[in-house]
């Protein structure tokens, strides 16, 4: 009975979004893998038009950015699954994100392996503690990527584009992180003056990234003589 209800709900959602998709530009759509139609995250997407397709990642934001979904419960039962999927992406996407649902009370046993698999595949890892939170992250990343894409097309030399490029030069800081900082703080000067606490409260930024940014901002320049 519950399976029939889930199938009906998924079918209803697909029909609604298929209608919305007719009125959206192709570049505005979030593409979702057919394998994710039963994912509770998909049912909680509210602020984005999406379409189902046969794709390798679970979510495709743009032609150069995507995301994989992982859950700690599934990871504990299938320890090599995420690693295999991350390796399958290879170099198809410049920006790769793993959105991990922390749905296991004993997360300490499987979260390190999720982190390791994401790191080996050069993927950013974001943890969510509910399907609603995971859905908000997917919407946020999709919005950021659309903003970055439109900025590059229309304003190649504007201030925000230069700010994104400058911030993403720091090792381990992705374009999404740069867009997050630019949106929250507004200017490079405000980012420089921000405290560690305020930087850490930004979505997607952990201790390691904040320390790298701080090191980049405050390490004195060294001139190397070639004579």
C-alpha atoms as a PDB file:
ATOM      1  CA  UNK A   1       0.000   0.000   0.000  1.00  0.00           C
ATOM      2  CA  UNK A   2       2.773   2.413   0.952  1.00  0.00           C
ATOM      3  CA  UNK A   3       4.649   1.546  -2.263  1.00  0.00           C
ATOM      4  CA  UNK A   4       1.561   2.393  -4.353  1.00  0.00           C
ATOM      5  CA  UNK A   5       1.185   5.678  -2.470  1.00  0.00           C
ATOM      6  CA  UNK A   6       4.863   6.511  -3.059  1.00  0.00           C
ATOM      7  CA  UNK A   7       4.545   5.650  -6.763  1.00  0.00           C
ATOM      8  CA  UNK A   8       1.454   7.849  -7.079  1.00  0.00           C
ATOM      9  CA  UNK A   9       3.177  10.738  -5.292  1.00  0.00           C
ATOM     10  CA  UNK A  10       6.242  10.456  -7.526  1.00  0.00           C
ATOM     11  CA  UNK A  11       4.067  10.324 -10.647  1.00  0.00           C
ATOM     12  CA  UNK A  12       2.151  13.417  -9.489  1.00  0.00           C
ATOM     13  CA  UNK A  13       5.367  15.315  -8.827  1.00  0.00           C
ATOM     14  CA  UNK A  14       6.793  14.388 -12.217  1.00  0.00           C
ATOM     15  CA  UNK A  15       3.615  15.550 -13.972  1.00  0.00           C
ATOM     16  CA  UNK A  16       3.626  18.861 -12.083  1.00  0.00           C
ATOM     17  CA  UNK A  17       7.258  19.537 -12.878  1.00  0.00           C
ATOM     18  CA  UNK A  18       6.867  18.450 -16.495  1.00  0.00           C
ATOM     19  CA  UNK A  19       4.227  21.180 -16.830  1.00  0.00           C
ATOM     20  CA  UNK A  20       6.488  23.734 -15.112  1.00  0.00           C
ATOM     21  CA  UNK A  21       9.415  22.697 -17.290  1.00  0.00           C
ATOM     22  CA  UNK A  22       7.502  23.742 -20.407  1.00  0.00           C
ATOM     23  CA  UNK A  23       7.704  27.340 -19.206  1.00  0.00           C
ATOM     24  CA  UNK A  24      11.326  27.234 -18.036  1.00  0.00           C
ATOM     25  CA  UNK A  25      14.523  27.694 -20.006  1.00  0.00           C
ATOM     26  CA  UNK A  26      16.504  24.491 -20.478  1.00  0.00           C
ATOM     27  CA  UNK A  27      19.431  25.975 -18.567  1.00  0.00           C
ATOM     28  CA  UNK A  28      17.215  26.702 -15.558  1.00  0.00           C
ATOM     29  CA  UNK A  29      16.181  23.086 -14.993  1.00  0.00           C
ATOM     30  CA  UNK A  30      17.644  20.851 -12.321  1.00  0.00           C
ATOM     31  CA  UNK A  31      18.158  17.447 -13.924  1.00  0.00           C
ATOM     32  CA  UNK A  32      17.500  14.508 -11.600  1.00  0.00           C
ATOM     33  CA  UNK A  33      18.501  10.911 -12.188  1.00  0.00           C
ATOM     34  CA  UNK A  34      15.655   8.464 -12.663  1.00  0.00           C
ATOM     35  CA  UNK A  35      17.166   6.395  -9.847  1.00  0.00           C
ATOM     36  CA  UNK A  36      16.359   9.210  -7.381  1.00  0.00           C
ATOM     37  CA  UNK A  37      12.591   9.413  -7.977  1.00  0.00           C
ATOM     38  CA  UNK A  38      11.949   7.552  -4.713  1.00  0.00           C
ATOM     39  CA  UNK A  39      14.321   9.755  -2.714  1.00  0.00           C
ATOM     40  CA  UNK A  40      12.539  11.756  -0.010  1.00  0.00           C
ATOM     41  CA  UNK A  41      14.762  14.704  -0.904  1.00  0.00           C
ATOM     42  CA  UNK A  42      13.119  15.067  -4.323  1.00  0.00           C
ATOM     43  CA  UNK A  43       9.653  15.347  -2.764  1.00  0.00           C
ATOM     44  CA  UNK A  44      10.865  18.308  -0.713  1.00  0.00           C
ATOM     45  CA  UNK A  45      12.241  20.441  -3.557  1.00  0.00           C
ATOM     46  CA  UNK A  46      10.179  23.635  -3.599  1.00  0.00           C
ATOM     47  CA  UNK A  47      12.054  26.461  -5.310  1.00  0.00           C
ATOM     48  CA  UNK A  48      13.364  24.864  -8.477  1.00  0.00           C
ATOM     49  CA  UNK A  49      11.961  23.352 -11.646  1.00  0.00           C
ATOM     50  CA  UNK A  50      13.322  19.889 -12.289  1.00  0.00           C
ATOM     51  CA  UNK A  51      13.139  17.139 -14.862  1.00  0.00           C
ATOM     52  CA  UNK A  52      13.863  13.403 -14.738  1.00  0.00           C
ATOM     53  CA  UNK A  53      16.449  11.965 -17.106  1.00  0.00           C
ATOM     54  CA  UNK A  54      18.856   9.032 -17.467  1.00  0.00           C
ATOM     55  CA  UNK A  55      22.091  10.578 -16.159  1.00  0.00           C
ATOM     56  CA  UNK A  56      25.142   9.254 -14.350  1.00  0.00           C
ATOM     57  CA  UNK A  57      25.153  11.716 -11.389  1.00  0.00           C
ATOM     58  CA  UNK A  58      22.096  12.009  -9.158  1.00  0.00           C
ATOM     59  CA  UNK A  59      21.678  15.743  -9.818  1.00  0.00           C
ATOM     60  CA  UNK A  60      23.014  17.911 -12.636  1.00  0.00           C
ATOM     61  CA  UNK A  61      23.049  21.680 -12.068  1.00  0.00           C
ATOM     62  CA  UNK A  62      24.807  22.746 -15.272  1.00  0.00           C
ATOM     63  CA  UNK A  63      26.869  21.035 -17.958  1.00  0.00           C
ATOM     64  CA  UNK A  64      29.935  21.382 -15.702  1.00  0.00           C
ATOM     65  CA  UNK A  65      28.505  20.793 -12.202  1.00  0.00           C
ATOM     66  CA  UNK A  66      26.690  17.930 -10.506  1.00  0.00           C
ATOM     67  CA  UNK A  67      25.965  16.224  -7.193  1.00  0.00           C
ATOM     68  CA  UNK A  68      25.760  12.707  -5.811  1.00  0.00           C
ATOM     69  CA  UNK A  69      23.464  11.739  -2.961  1.00  0.00           C
ATOM     70  CA  UNK A  70      24.651   9.462  -0.165  1.00  0.00           C
ATOM     71  CA  UNK A  71      23.176   8.273   3.128  1.00  0.00           C
ATOM     72  CA  UNK A  72      25.097   6.851   6.068  1.00  0.00           C
ATOM     73  CA  UNK A  73      22.652   3.948   6.456  1.00  0.00           C
ATOM     74  CA  UNK A  74      23.157   2.906   2.840  1.00  0.00           C
ATOM     75  CA  UNK A  75      26.907   3.492   3.125  1.00  0.00           C
ATOM     76  CA  UNK A  76      27.144   1.147   6.116  1.00  0.00           C
ATOM     77  CA  UNK A  77      25.446  -1.606   4.087  1.00  0.00           C
ATOM     78  CA  UNK A  78      27.362  -0.922   0.842  1.00  0.00           C
ATOM     79  CA  UNK A  79      30.794   0.508   1.819  1.00  0.00           C
ATOM     80  CA  UNK A  80      32.213   0.668  -1.735  1.00  0.00           C
ATOM     81  CA  UNK A  81      29.143   2.049  -3.508  1.00  0.00           C
ATOM     82  CA  UNK A  82      29.946   5.761  -3.183  1.00  0.00           C
ATOM     83  CA  UNK A  83      33.600   5.272  -4.118  1.00  0.00           C
ATOM     84  CA  UNK A  84      32.546   3.460  -7.301  1.00  0.00           C
ATOM     85  CA  UNK A  85      30.088   6.208  -8.214  1.00  0.00           C
ATOM     86  CA  UNK A  86      32.587   8.999  -7.555  1.00  0.00           C
ATOM     87  CA  UNK A  87      35.160   7.266  -9.745  1.00  0.00           C
ATOM     88  CA  UNK A  88      32.518   6.911 -12.458  1.00  0.00           C
ATOM     89  CA  UNK A  89      32.249  10.691 -12.766  1.00  0.00           C
ATOM     90  CA  UNK A  90      35.923  10.974 -13.739  1.00  0.00           C
ATOM     91  CA  UNK A  91      36.512  14.417 -15.267  1.00  0.00           C
ATOM     92  CA  UNK A  92      33.035  14.881 -16.741  1.00  0.00           C
ATOM     93  CA  UNK A  93      32.202  17.723 -14.347  1.00  0.00           C
ATOM     94  CA  UNK A  94      34.424  20.520 -13.057  1.00  0.00           C
ATOM     95  CA  UNK A  95      32.393  20.863  -9.844  1.00  0.00           C
ATOM     96  CA  UNK A  96      31.337  17.676  -8.040  1.00  0.00           C
ATOM     97  CA  UNK A  97      29.446  17.663  -4.740  1.00  0.00           C
ATOM     98  CA  UNK A  98      28.458  14.811  -2.434  1.00  0.00           C
ATOM     99  CA  UNK A  99      25.366  15.598  -0.363  1.00  0.00           C
ATOM    100  CA  UNK A 100      25.365  13.130   2.533  1.00  0.00           C
ATOM    101  CA  UNK A 101      22.297  12.454   4.661  1.00  0.00           C
ATOM    102  CA  UNK A 102      23.334  11.740   8.258  1.00  0.00           C
ATOM    103  CA  UNK A 103      20.572   9.232   9.051  1.00  0.00           C
ATOM    104  CA  UNK A 104      22.608   6.829  11.185  1.00  0.00           C
ATOM    105  CA  UNK A 105      23.099   7.435  14.910  1.00  0.00           C
ATOM    106  CA  UNK A 106      26.437   5.638  14.698  1.00  0.00           C
ATOM    107  CA  UNK A 107      27.665   7.920  11.915  1.00  0.00           C
ATOM    108  CA  UNK A 108      31.245   7.838  13.180  1.00  0.00           C
ATOM    109  CA  UNK A 109      31.708   4.413  11.615  1.00  0.00           C
ATOM    110  CA  UNK A 110      30.728   5.296   8.035  1.00  0.00           C
ATOM    111  CA  UNK A 111      31.141   9.079   7.736  1.00  0.00           C
ATOM    112  CA  UNK A 112      34.973   8.893   7.529  1.00  0.00           C
ATOM    113  CA  UNK A 113      34.660   6.558   4.535  1.00  0.00           C
ATOM    114  CA  UNK A 114      32.193   8.941   2.870  1.00  0.00           C
ATOM    115  CA  UNK A 115      34.646  11.790   3.460  1.00  0.00           C
ATOM    116  CA  UNK A 116      37.513   9.715   2.061  1.00  0.00           C
ATOM    117  CA  UNK A 117      35.590   8.719  -1.088  1.00  0.00           C
ATOM    118  CA  UNK A 118      34.548  12.332  -1.708  1.00  0.00           C
ATOM    119  CA  UNK A 119      38.110  13.582  -1.221  1.00  0.00           C
ATOM    120  CA  UNK A 120      39.631  10.987  -3.544  1.00  0.00           C
ATOM    121  CA  UNK A 121      37.178  12.042  -6.228  1.00  0.00           C
ATOM    122  CA  UNK A 122      37.859  15.760  -5.710  1.00  0.00           C
ATOM    123  CA  UNK A 123      34.273  16.246  -4.539  1.00  0.00           C
ATOM    124  CA  UNK A 124      33.036  18.784  -2.014  1.00  0.00           C
ATOM    125  CA  UNK A 125      31.215  17.059   0.875  1.00  0.00           C
ATOM    126  CA  UNK A 126      28.138  18.593   2.496  1.00  0.00           C
ATOM    127  CA  UNK A 127      26.295  16.853   5.345  1.00  0.00           C
ATOM    128  CA  UNK A 128      22.564  17.246   6.003  1.00  0.00           C
ATOM    129  CA  UNK A 129      20.604  15.922   8.990  1.00  0.00           C
ATOM    130  CA  UNK A 130      17.234  15.678   7.234  1.00  0.00           C
ATOM    131  CA  UNK A 131      15.763  15.328   3.739  1.00  0.00           C
ATOM    132  CA  UNK A 132      14.469  18.910   4.029  1.00  0.00           C
ATOM    133  CA  UNK A 133      17.964  20.244   4.730  1.00  0.00           C
ATOM    134  CA  UNK A 134      19.426  18.182   1.878  1.00  0.00           C
ATOM    135  CA  UNK A 135      16.778  19.587  -0.477  1.00  0.00           C
ATOM    136  CA  UNK A 136      17.676  23.148   0.528  1.00  0.00           C
ATOM    137  CA  UNK A 137      21.347  22.435  -0.242  1.00  0.00           C
ATOM    138  CA  UNK A 138      20.476  21.093  -3.697  1.00  0.00           C
ATOM    139  CA  UNK A 139      18.374  24.186  -4.393  1.00  0.00           C
ATOM    140  CA  UNK A 140      21.154  26.446  -3.102  1.00  0.00           C
ATOM    141  CA  UNK A 141      23.861  24.845  -5.246  1.00  0.00           C
ATOM    142  CA  UNK A 142      21.636  24.899  -8.313  1.00  0.00           C
ATOM    143  CA  UNK A 143      20.923  28.594  -7.783  1.00  0.00           C
ATOM    144  CA  UNK A 144      24.607  29.417  -7.280  1.00  0.00           C
ATOM    145  CA  UNK A 145      25.651  27.585 -10.422  1.00  0.00           C
ATOM    146  CA  UNK A 146      22.974  29.327 -12.484  1.00  0.00           C
ATOM    147  CA  UNK A 147      24.119  32.688 -11.096  1.00  0.00           C
ATOM    148  CA  UNK A 148      27.763  31.973 -11.856  1.00  0.00           C
ATOM    149  CA  UNK A 149      26.915  30.764 -15.354  1.00  0.00           C
ATOM    150  CA  UNK A 150      24.829  33.833 -16.196  1.00  0.00           C
ATOM    151  CA  UNK A 151      27.499  36.129 -14.736  1.00  0.00           C
ATOM    152  CA  UNK A 152      30.197  34.623 -16.931  1.00  0.00           C
ATOM    153  CA  UNK A 153      28.043  34.953 -20.028  1.00  0.00           C
ATOM    154  CA  UNK A 154      27.012  38.562 -19.454  1.00  0.00           C
ATOM    155  CA  UNK A 155      29.616  40.167 -17.200  1.00  0.00           C
ATOM    156  CA  UNK A 156      32.987  38.637 -17.760  1.00  0.00           C
ATOM    157  CA  UNK A 157      34.811  41.579 -16.172  1.00  0.00           C
ATOM    158  CA  UNK A 158      32.403  42.707 -13.448  1.00  0.00           C
ATOM    159  CA  UNK A 159      33.327  42.916  -9.769  1.00  0.00           C
ATOM    160  CA  UNK A 160      31.406  39.833  -8.586  1.00  0.00           C
ATOM    161  CA  UNK A 161      32.964  37.615 -11.251  1.00  0.00           C
ATOM    162  CA  UNK A 162      36.448  38.791 -10.301  1.00  0.00           C
ATOM    163  CA  UNK A 163      35.615  38.218  -6.626  1.00  0.00           C
ATOM    164  CA  UNK A 164      34.486  34.634  -7.340  1.00  0.00           C
ATOM    165  CA  UNK A 165      37.667  33.934  -9.292  1.00  0.00           C
ATOM    166  CA  UNK A 166      39.911  35.433  -6.604  1.00  0.00           C
ATOM    167  CA  UNK A 167      38.320  33.420  -3.786  1.00  0.00           C
ATOM    168  CA  UNK A 168      38.323  30.134  -5.707  1.00  0.00           C
ATOM    169  CA  UNK A 169      42.102  30.456  -6.209  1.00  0.00           C
ATOM    170  CA  UNK A 170      42.533  29.295  -2.604  1.00  0.00           C
ATOM    171  CA  UNK A 171      43.235  25.551  -2.504  1.00  0.00           C
ATOM    172  CA  UNK A 172      40.110  23.523  -1.719  1.00  0.00           C
ATOM    173  CA  UNK A 173      37.691  26.469  -2.081  1.00  0.00           C
ATOM    174  CA  UNK A 174      35.207  25.689  -4.845  1.00  0.00           C
ATOM    175  CA  UNK A 175      33.141  28.062  -6.960  1.00  0.00           C
ATOM    176  CA  UNK A 176      30.075  27.382  -4.821  1.00  0.00           C
ATOM    177  CA  UNK A 177      32.033  28.410  -1.702  1.00  0.00           C
ATOM    178  CA  UNK A 178      33.133  31.608  -3.444  1.00  0.00           C
ATOM    179  CA  UNK A 179      29.546  32.400  -4.439  1.00  0.00           C
ATOM    180  CA  UNK A 180      28.395  31.757  -0.869  1.00  0.00           C
ATOM    181  CA  UNK A 181      30.959  34.182   0.568  1.00  0.00           C
ATOM    182  CA  UNK A 182      30.280  36.817  -2.075  1.00  0.00           C
ATOM    183  CA  UNK A 183      26.524  36.620  -1.505  1.00  0.00           C
ATOM    184  CA  UNK A 184      26.804  36.765   2.277  1.00  0.00           C
ATOM    185  CA  UNK A 185      29.531  39.391   2.770  1.00  0.00           C
ATOM    186  CA  UNK A 186      29.201  41.418  -0.439  1.00  0.00           C
ATOM    187  CA  UNK A 187      32.760  42.694  -0.847  1.00  0.00           C
ATOM    188  CA  UNK A 188      36.277  41.332  -0.614  1.00  0.00           C
ATOM    189  CA  UNK A 189      37.060  43.805   2.175  1.00  0.00           C
ATOM    190  CA  UNK A 190      34.148  42.482   4.281  1.00  0.00           C
ATOM    191  CA  UNK A 191      35.336  38.908   3.754  1.00  0.00           C
ATOM    192  CA  UNK A 192      38.838  39.871   4.895  1.00  0.00           C
ATOM    193  CA  UNK A 193      37.429  41.451   8.077  1.00  0.00           C
ATOM    194  CA  UNK A 194      35.091  38.530   8.842  1.00  0.00           C
ATOM    195  CA  UNK A 195      35.817  36.462  11.943  1.00  0.00           C
ATOM    196  CA  UNK A 196      36.422  32.711  11.844  1.00  0.00           C
ATOM    197  CA  UNK A 197      33.057  32.219  13.551  1.00  0.00           C
ATOM    198  CA  UNK A 198      31.116  34.133  10.906  1.00  0.00           C
ATOM    199  CA  UNK A 199      32.969  32.358   8.088  1.00  0.00           C
ATOM    200  CA  UNK A 200      32.252  28.955   9.661  1.00  0.00           C
ATOM    201  CA  UNK A 201      28.539  29.755   9.801  1.00  0.00           C
ATOM    202  CA  UNK A 202      28.451  30.027   5.991  1.00  0.00           C
ATOM    203  CA  UNK A 203      26.921  26.917   4.300  1.00  0.00           C
ATOM    204  CA  UNK A 204      29.525  24.497   2.972  1.00  0.00           C
ATOM    205  CA  UNK A 205      32.535  26.054   4.720  1.00  0.00           C
ATOM    206  CA  UNK A 206      34.258  23.920   7.335  1.00  0.00           C
ATOM    207  CA  UNK A 207      37.254  24.463   9.560  1.00  0.00           C
ATOM    208  CA  UNK A 208      39.781  23.364   6.920  1.00  0.00           C
ATOM    209  CA  UNK A 209      38.499  25.767   4.243  1.00  0.00           C
ATOM    210  CA  UNK A 210      38.307  28.677   6.667  1.00  0.00           C
ATOM    211  CA  UNK A 211      41.887  28.058   7.814  1.00  0.00           C
ATOM    212  CA  UNK A 212      43.068  27.909   4.188  1.00  0.00           C
ATOM    213  CA  UNK A 213      41.300  31.174   3.403  1.00  0.00           C
ATOM    214  CA  UNK A 214      42.814  32.809   6.480  1.00  0.00           C
ATOM    215  CA  UNK A 215      46.267  31.594   5.496  1.00  0.00           C
ATOM    216  CA  UNK A 216      45.786  32.922   1.960  1.00  0.00           C
ATOM    217  CA  UNK A 217      44.581  36.308   3.213  1.00  0.00           C
ATOM    218  CA  UNK A 218      47.175  36.904   5.913  1.00  0.00           C
ATOM    219  CA  UNK A 219      50.391  35.189   4.806  1.00  0.00           C
ATOM    220  CA  UNK A 220      52.909  37.903   3.803  1.00  0.00           C
ATOM    221  CA  UNK A 221      53.885  38.008   0.160  1.00  0.00           C
ATOM    222  CA  UNK A 222      57.399  36.735  -0.525  1.00  0.00           C
ATOM    223  CA  UNK A 223      59.427  38.164  -3.353  1.00  0.00           C
ATOM    224  CA  UNK A 224      61.731  35.694  -5.055  1.00  0.00           C
ATOM    225  CA  UNK A 225      64.856  37.073  -6.678  1.00  0.00           C
ATOM    226  CA  UNK A 226      65.937  35.533  -9.956  1.00  0.00           C
ATOM    227  CA  UNK A 227      69.366  37.146  -9.882  1.00  0.00           C
END
